[in-house]
Amino acid sequence: METTKVSPKYQVVIPQRVREAMALKPGTRLQVVQFEDRIELIPLRSAKSLRGSLPGLDTEVPRDADRV
């Protein structure tokens, strides 16, 4: 488990191992979520970058004959 501390300016450094594992680059925007007693940082990804992330997902949608 990696640790970091909050600076006097309330900044934190994401450890290198975590940055590399998550492929974070300078300028990556992170969503900050407070959940109970923890803080989660979630990288914001474009919808285009998520293409193909759910292989095998059934995309067939049953439609009524008059709606085709």
PDB file of N, CA and C in Angstrom:
ATOM      1  N   MET A   1       0.846  -1.169   0.000  1.00  0.00           N
ATOM      2  CA  MET A   1       0.000   0.000   0.000  1.00  0.00           C
ATOM      3  C   MET A   1       0.893   1.234   0.000  1.00  0.00           C
ATOM      4  N   GLU A   2       0.555   2.168  -0.859  1.00  0.00           N
ATOM      5  CA  GLU A   2       1.292   3.422  -0.963  1.00  0.00           C
ATOM      6  C   GLU A   2       0.668   4.457  -0.027  1.00  0.00           C
ATOM      7  N   THR A   3       1.496   5.335   0.488  1.00  0.00           N
ATOM      8  CA  THR A   3       0.989   6.425   1.324  1.00  0.00           C
ATOM      9  C   THR A   3       1.531   7.747   0.809  1.00  0.00           C
ATOM     10  N   THR A   4       0.851   8.795   1.159  1.00  0.00           N
ATOM     11  CA  THR A   4       1.280  10.151   0.833  1.00  0.00           C
ATOM     12  C   THR A   4       0.765  11.051   1.937  1.00  0.00           C
ATOM     13  N   LYS A   5       1.176  12.296   1.952  1.00  0.00           N
ATOM     14  CA  LYS A   5       0.652  13.203   2.972  1.00  0.00           C
ATOM     15  C   LYS A   5       0.165  14.488   2.330  1.00  0.00           C
ATOM     16  N   VAL A   6      -0.672  15.185   3.043  1.00  0.00           N
ATOM     17  CA  VAL A   6      -1.236  16.443   2.575  1.00  0.00           C
ATOM     18  C   VAL A   6      -0.265  17.566   2.931  1.00  0.00           C
ATOM     19  N   SER A   7       0.086  18.379   1.924  1.00  0.00           N
ATOM     20  CA  SER A   7       1.003  19.492   2.152  1.00  0.00           C
ATOM     21  C   SER A   7       0.267  20.635   2.851  1.00  0.00           C
ATOM     22  N   PRO A   8       1.001  21.642   3.321  1.00  0.00           N
ATOM     23  CA  PRO A   8       0.340  22.802   3.935  1.00  0.00           C
ATOM     24  C   PRO A   8      -0.631  23.516   2.984  1.00  0.00           C
ATOM     25  N   LYS A   9      -0.444  23.309   1.661  1.00  0.00           N
ATOM     26  CA  LYS A   9      -1.353  23.901   0.675  1.00  0.00           C
ATOM     27  C   LYS A   9      -2.449  22.911   0.267  1.00  0.00           C
ATOM     28  N   TYR A  10      -2.614  21.823   1.038  1.00  0.00           N
ATOM     29  CA  TYR A  10      -3.625  20.801   0.792  1.00  0.00           C
ATOM     30  C   TYR A  10      -3.407  20.072  -0.533  1.00  0.00           C
ATOM     31  N   GLN A  11      -2.164  19.907  -0.933  1.00  0.00           N
ATOM     32  CA  GLN A  11      -1.842  19.162  -2.141  1.00  0.00           C
ATOM     33  C   GLN A  11      -1.312  17.790  -1.753  1.00  0.00           C
ATOM     34  N   VAL A  12      -1.520  16.812  -2.639  1.00  0.00           N
ATOM     35  CA  VAL A  12      -0.975  15.472  -2.429  1.00  0.00           C
ATOM     36  C   VAL A  12      -0.229  15.040  -3.687  1.00  0.00           C
ATOM     37  N   VAL A  13       0.760  14.180  -3.508  1.00  0.00           N
ATOM     38  CA  VAL A  13       1.506  13.616  -4.625  1.00  0.00           C
ATOM     39  C   VAL A  13       1.053  12.171  -4.786  1.00  0.00           C
ATOM     40  N   ILE A  14       0.650  11.817  -6.007  1.00  0.00           N
ATOM     41  CA  ILE A  14       0.274  10.432  -6.287  1.00  0.00           C
ATOM     42  C   ILE A  14       1.575   9.663  -6.507  1.00  0.00           C
ATOM     43  N   PRO A  15       1.810   8.597  -5.746  1.00  0.00           N
ATOM     44  CA  PRO A  15       3.067   7.857  -5.878  1.00  0.00           C
ATOM     45  C   PRO A  15       3.296   7.360  -7.313  1.00  0.00           C
ATOM     46  N   GLN A  16       4.559   7.317  -7.713  1.00  0.00           N
ATOM     47  CA  GLN A  16       4.937   6.954  -9.074  1.00  0.00           C
ATOM     48  C   GLN A  16       4.365   5.606  -9.500  1.00  0.00           C
ATOM     49  N   ARG A  17       4.436   4.619  -8.627  1.00  0.00           N
ATOM     50  CA  ARG A  17       3.941   3.286  -8.977  1.00  0.00           C
ATOM     51  C   ARG A  17       2.457   3.329  -9.336  1.00  0.00           C
ATOM     52  N   VAL A  18       1.698   4.120  -8.603  1.00  0.00           N
ATOM     53  CA  VAL A  18       0.256   4.251  -8.864  1.00  0.00           C
ATOM     54  C   VAL A  18       0.031   5.020 -10.162  1.00  0.00           C
ATOM     55  N   ARG A  19       0.777   6.101 -10.379  1.00  0.00           N
ATOM     56  CA  ARG A  19       0.655   6.881 -11.618  1.00  0.00           C
ATOM     57  C   ARG A  19       0.911   6.009 -12.835  1.00  0.00           C
ATOM     58  N   GLU A  20       1.952   5.191 -12.762  1.00  0.00           N
ATOM     59  CA  GLU A  20       2.289   4.331 -13.896  1.00  0.00           C
ATOM     60  C   GLU A  20       1.239   3.248 -14.103  1.00  0.00           C
ATOM     61  N   ALA A  21       0.764   2.634 -13.025  1.00  0.00           N
ATOM     62  CA  ALA A  21      -0.245   1.574 -13.137  1.00  0.00           C
ATOM     63  C   ALA A  21      -1.550   2.109 -13.717  1.00  0.00           C
ATOM     64  N   MET A  22      -1.880   3.351 -13.400  1.00  0.00           N
ATOM     65  CA  MET A  22      -3.121   3.958 -13.877  1.00  0.00           C
ATOM     66  C   MET A  22      -2.930   4.748 -15.176  1.00  0.00           C
ATOM     67  N   ALA A  23      -1.699   4.786 -15.686  1.00  0.00           N
ATOM     68  CA  ALA A  23      -1.365   5.531 -16.906  1.00  0.00           C
ATOM     69  C   ALA A  23      -1.778   6.994 -16.805  1.00  0.00           C
ATOM     70  N   LEU A  24      -1.520   7.612 -15.654  1.00  0.00           N
ATOM     71  CA  LEU A  24      -1.842   9.031 -15.455  1.00  0.00           C
ATOM     72  C   LEU A  24      -0.741   9.891 -16.056  1.00  0.00           C
ATOM     73  N   LYS A  25      -1.146  10.940 -16.701  1.00  0.00           N
ATOM     74  CA  LYS A  25      -0.221  11.892 -17.309  1.00  0.00           C
ATOM     75  C   LYS A  25      -0.480  13.267 -16.706  1.00  0.00           C
ATOM     76  N   PRO A  26       0.497  14.177 -16.775  1.00  0.00           N
ATOM     77  CA  PRO A  26       0.237  15.534 -16.290  1.00  0.00           C
ATOM     78  C   PRO A  26      -0.971  16.135 -17.019  1.00  0.00           C
ATOM     79  N   GLY A  27      -1.835  16.751 -16.265  1.00  0.00           N
ATOM     80  CA  GLY A  27      -3.029  17.359 -16.833  1.00  0.00           C
ATOM     81  C   GLY A  27      -4.250  16.460 -16.795  1.00  0.00           C
ATOM     82  N   THR A  28      -4.074  15.195 -16.405  1.00  0.00           N
ATOM     83  CA  THR A  28      -5.225  14.294 -16.297  1.00  0.00           C
ATOM     84  C   THR A  28      -6.182  14.846 -15.243  1.00  0.00           C
ATOM     85  N   ARG A  29      -7.447  14.933 -15.606  1.00  0.00           N
ATOM     86  CA  ARG A  29      -8.443  15.425 -14.651  1.00  0.00           C
ATOM     87  C   ARG A  29      -8.939  14.259 -13.819  1.00  0.00           C
ATOM     88  N   LEU A  30      -9.107  14.512 -12.527  1.00  0.00           N
ATOM     89  CA  LEU A  30      -9.569  13.495 -11.592  1.00  0.00           C
ATOM     90  C   LEU A  30     -10.858  13.962 -10.932  1.00  0.00           C
ATOM     91  N   GLN A  31     -11.802  13.057 -10.828  1.00  0.00           N
ATOM     92  CA  GLN A  31     -13.021  13.342 -10.074  1.00  0.00           C
ATOM     93  C   GLN A  31     -12.724  12.987  -8.615  1.00  0.00           C
ATOM     94  N   VAL A  32     -13.072  13.865  -7.696  1.00  0.00           N
ATOM     95  CA  VAL A  32     -12.838  13.646  -6.271  1.00  0.00           C
ATOM     96  C   VAL A  32     -14.165  13.274  -5.624  1.00  0.00           C
ATOM     97  N   VAL A  33     -14.189  12.084  -5.021  1.00  0.00           N
ATOM     98  CA  VAL A  33     -15.413  11.587  -4.408  1.00  0.00           C
ATOM     99  C   VAL A  33     -15.146  11.321  -2.932  1.00  0.00           C
ATOM    100  N   GLN A  34     -15.981  11.892  -2.068  1.00  0.00           N
ATOM    101  CA  GLN A  34     -15.892  11.626  -0.631  1.00  0.00           C
ATOM    102  C   GLN A  34     -16.935  10.575  -0.317  1.00  0.00           C
ATOM    103  N   PHE A  35     -16.494   9.452   0.209  1.00  0.00           N
ATOM    104  CA  PHE A  35     -17.388   8.344   0.542  1.00  0.00           C
ATOM    105  C   PHE A  35     -17.101   7.918   1.965  1.00  0.00           C
ATOM    106  N   GLU A  36     -18.063   8.177   2.858  1.00  0.00           N
ATOM    107  CA  GLU A  36     -17.906   7.922   4.288  1.00  0.00           C
ATOM    108  C   GLU A  36     -16.615   8.566   4.782  1.00  0.00           C
ATOM    109  N   ASP A  37     -15.624   7.767   5.207  1.00  0.00           N
ATOM    110  CA  ASP A  37     -14.404   8.358   5.777  1.00  0.00           C
ATOM    111  C   ASP A  37     -13.205   8.244   4.837  1.00  0.00           C
ATOM    112  N   ARG A  38     -13.461   8.203   3.525  1.00  0.00           N
ATOM    113  CA  ARG A  38     -12.340   8.103   2.586  1.00  0.00           C
ATOM    114  C   ARG A  38     -12.552   9.025   1.395  1.00  0.00           C
ATOM    115  N   ILE A  39     -11.462   9.281   0.681  1.00  0.00           N
ATOM    116  CA  ILE A  39     -11.477  10.110  -0.523  1.00  0.00           C
ATOM    117  C   ILE A  39     -11.042   9.226  -1.679  1.00  0.00           C
ATOM    118  N   GLU A  40     -11.803   9.264  -2.764  1.00  0.00           N
ATOM    119  CA  GLU A  40     -11.451   8.487  -3.947  1.00  0.00           C
ATOM    120  C   GLU A  40     -11.164   9.449  -5.092  1.00  0.00           C
ATOM    121  N   LEU A  41     -10.085   9.189  -5.831  1.00  0.00           N
ATOM    122  CA  LEU A  41      -9.724   9.968  -7.011  1.00  0.00           C
ATOM    123  C   LEU A  41      -9.978   9.083  -8.223  1.00  0.00           C
ATOM    124  N   ILE A  42     -10.862   9.521  -9.103  1.00  0.00           N
ATOM    125  CA  ILE A  42     -11.252   8.721 -10.259  1.00  0.00           C
ATOM    126  C   ILE A  42     -10.863   9.480 -11.527  1.00  0.00           C
ATOM    127  N   PRO A  43      -9.967   8.896 -12.344  1.00  0.00           N
ATOM    128  CA  PRO A  43      -9.584   9.579 -13.585  1.00  0.00           C
ATOM    129  C   PRO A  43     -10.785   9.725 -14.509  1.00  0.00           C
ATOM    130  N   LEU A  44     -10.959  10.919 -15.065  1.00  0.00           N
ATOM    131  CA  LEU A  44     -12.023  11.138 -16.033  1.00  0.00           C
ATOM    132  C   LEU A  44     -11.520  10.682 -17.392  1.00  0.00           C
ATOM    133  N   ARG A  45     -12.256   9.802 -18.017  1.00  0.00           N
ATOM    134  CA  ARG A  45     -11.887   9.261 -19.327  1.00  0.00           C
ATOM    135  C   ARG A  45     -12.957   9.673 -20.332  1.00  0.00           C
ATOM    136  N   SER A  46     -12.539   9.899 -21.561  1.00  0.00           N
ATOM    137  CA  SER A  46     -13.507  10.234 -22.599  1.00  0.00           C
ATOM    138  C   SER A  46     -14.282   8.982 -22.978  1.00  0.00           C
ATOM    139  N   ALA A  47     -15.471   9.174 -23.491  1.00  0.00           N
ATOM    140  CA  ALA A  47     -16.283   8.035 -23.927  1.00  0.00           C
ATOM    141  C   ALA A  47     -15.564   7.278 -25.033  1.00  0.00           C
ATOM    142  N   LYS A  48     -14.842   7.995 -25.870  1.00  0.00           N
ATOM    143  CA  LYS A  48     -14.120   7.357 -26.974  1.00  0.00           C
ATOM    144  C   LYS A  48     -13.045   6.397 -26.454  1.00  0.00           C
ATOM    145  N   SER A  49     -12.386   6.755 -25.362  1.00  0.00           N
ATOM    146  CA  SER A  49     -11.329   5.896 -24.827  1.00  0.00           C
ATOM    147  C   SER A  49     -11.873   4.622 -24.195  1.00  0.00           C
ATOM    148  N   LEU A  50     -13.174   4.593 -23.904  1.00  0.00           N
ATOM    149  CA  LEU A  50     -13.787   3.416 -23.297  1.00  0.00           C
ATOM    150  C   LEU A  50     -14.282   2.401 -24.327  1.00  0.00           C
ATOM    151  N   ARG A  51     -14.195   2.763 -25.599  1.00  0.00           N
ATOM    152  CA  ARG A  51     -14.667   1.870 -26.665  1.00  0.00           C
ATOM    153  C   ARG A  51     -13.955   0.522 -26.584  1.00  0.00           C
ATOM    154  N   GLY A  52     -14.725  -0.546 -26.586  1.00  0.00           N
ATOM    155  CA  GLY A  52     -14.174  -1.895 -26.540  1.00  0.00           C
ATOM    156  C   GLY A  52     -13.839  -2.375 -25.142  1.00  0.00           C
ATOM    157  N   SER A  53     -14.201  -1.620 -24.124  1.00  0.00           N
ATOM    158  CA  SER A  53     -13.852  -2.013 -22.756  1.00  0.00           C
ATOM    159  C   SER A  53     -14.781  -3.078 -22.189  1.00  0.00           C
ATOM    160  N   LEU A  54     -15.873  -3.374 -22.879  1.00  0.00           N
ATOM    161  CA  LEU A  54     -16.816  -4.399 -22.419  1.00  0.00           C
ATOM    162  C   LEU A  54     -17.019  -5.448 -23.510  1.00  0.00           C
ATOM    163  N   PRO A  55     -15.978  -6.233 -23.826  1.00  0.00           N
ATOM    164  CA  PRO A  55     -16.133  -7.222 -24.890  1.00  0.00           C
ATOM    165  C   PRO A  55     -17.178  -8.273 -24.504  1.00  0.00           C
ATOM    166  N   GLY A  56     -17.931  -8.714 -25.490  1.00  0.00           N
ATOM    167  CA  GLY A  56     -18.937  -9.736 -25.246  1.00  0.00           C
ATOM    168  C   GLY A  56     -20.270  -9.183 -24.777  1.00  0.00           C
ATOM    169  N   LEU A  57     -20.374  -7.878 -24.609  1.00  0.00           N
ATOM    170  CA  LEU A  57     -21.632  -7.274 -24.170  1.00  0.00           C
ATOM    171  C   LEU A  57     -22.662  -7.378 -25.290  1.00  0.00           C
ATOM    172  N   ASP A  58     -23.831  -7.909 -24.985  1.00  0.00           N
ATOM    173  CA  ASP A  58     -24.893  -8.047 -25.977  1.00  0.00           C
ATOM    174  C   ASP A  58     -25.496  -6.677 -26.241  1.00  0.00           C
ATOM    175  N   THR A  59     -25.350  -6.186 -27.463  1.00  0.00           N
ATOM    176  CA  THR A  59     -25.867  -4.863 -27.813  1.00  0.00           C
ATOM    177  C   THR A  59     -27.170  -4.940 -28.606  1.00  0.00           C
ATOM    178  N   GLU A  60     -27.703  -6.139 -28.757  1.00  0.00           N
ATOM    179  CA  GLU A  60     -28.976  -6.300 -29.456  1.00  0.00           C
ATOM    180  C   GLU A  60     -30.106  -5.773 -28.576  1.00  0.00           C
ATOM    181  N   VAL A  61     -30.967  -4.984 -29.176  1.00  0.00           N
ATOM    182  CA  VAL A  61     -32.109  -4.429 -28.463  1.00  0.00           C
ATOM    183  C   VAL A  61     -33.371  -4.888 -29.178  1.00  0.00           C
ATOM    184  N   PRO A  62     -34.245  -5.631 -28.481  1.00  0.00           N
ATOM    185  CA  PRO A  62     -35.484  -6.050 -29.141  1.00  0.00           C
ATOM    186  C   PRO A  62     -36.353  -4.827 -29.456  1.00  0.00           C
ATOM    187  N   ARG A  63     -36.827  -4.782 -30.700  1.00  0.00           N
ATOM    188  CA  ARG A  63     -37.640  -3.642 -31.125  1.00  0.00           C
ATOM    189  C   ARG A  63     -38.985  -4.130 -31.636  1.00  0.00           C
ATOM    190  N   ASP A  64     -39.988  -3.300 -31.457  1.00  0.00           N
ATOM    191  CA  ASP A  64     -41.292  -3.591 -32.016  1.00  0.00           C
ATOM    192  C   ASP A  64     -41.220  -3.454 -33.535  1.00  0.00           C
ATOM    193  N   ALA A  65     -41.999  -4.247 -34.242  1.00  0.00           N
ATOM    194  CA  ALA A  65     -41.943  -4.251 -35.712  1.00  0.00           C
ATOM    195  C   ALA A  65     -42.240  -2.869 -36.288  1.00  0.00           C
ATOM    196  N   ASP A  66     -43.107  -2.093 -35.654  1.00  0.00           N
ATOM    197  CA  ASP A  66     -43.450  -0.768 -36.193  1.00  0.00           C
ATOM    198  C   ASP A  66     -42.430   0.311 -35.825  1.00  0.00           C
ATOM    199  N   ARG A  67     -41.356  -0.035 -35.121  1.00  0.00           N
ATOM    200  CA  ARG A  67     -40.346   0.939 -34.686  1.00  0.00           C
ATOM    201  C   ARG A  67     -39.006   0.748 -35.399  1.00  0.00           C
ATOM    202  N   VAL A  68     -38.960  -0.123 -36.379  1.00  0.00           N
ATOM    203  CA  VAL A  68     -37.690  -0.414 -37.061  1.00  0.00           C
ATOM    204  C   VAL A  68     -37.385   0.626 -38.072  1.00  0.00           C
TER     205      VAL A  68
END
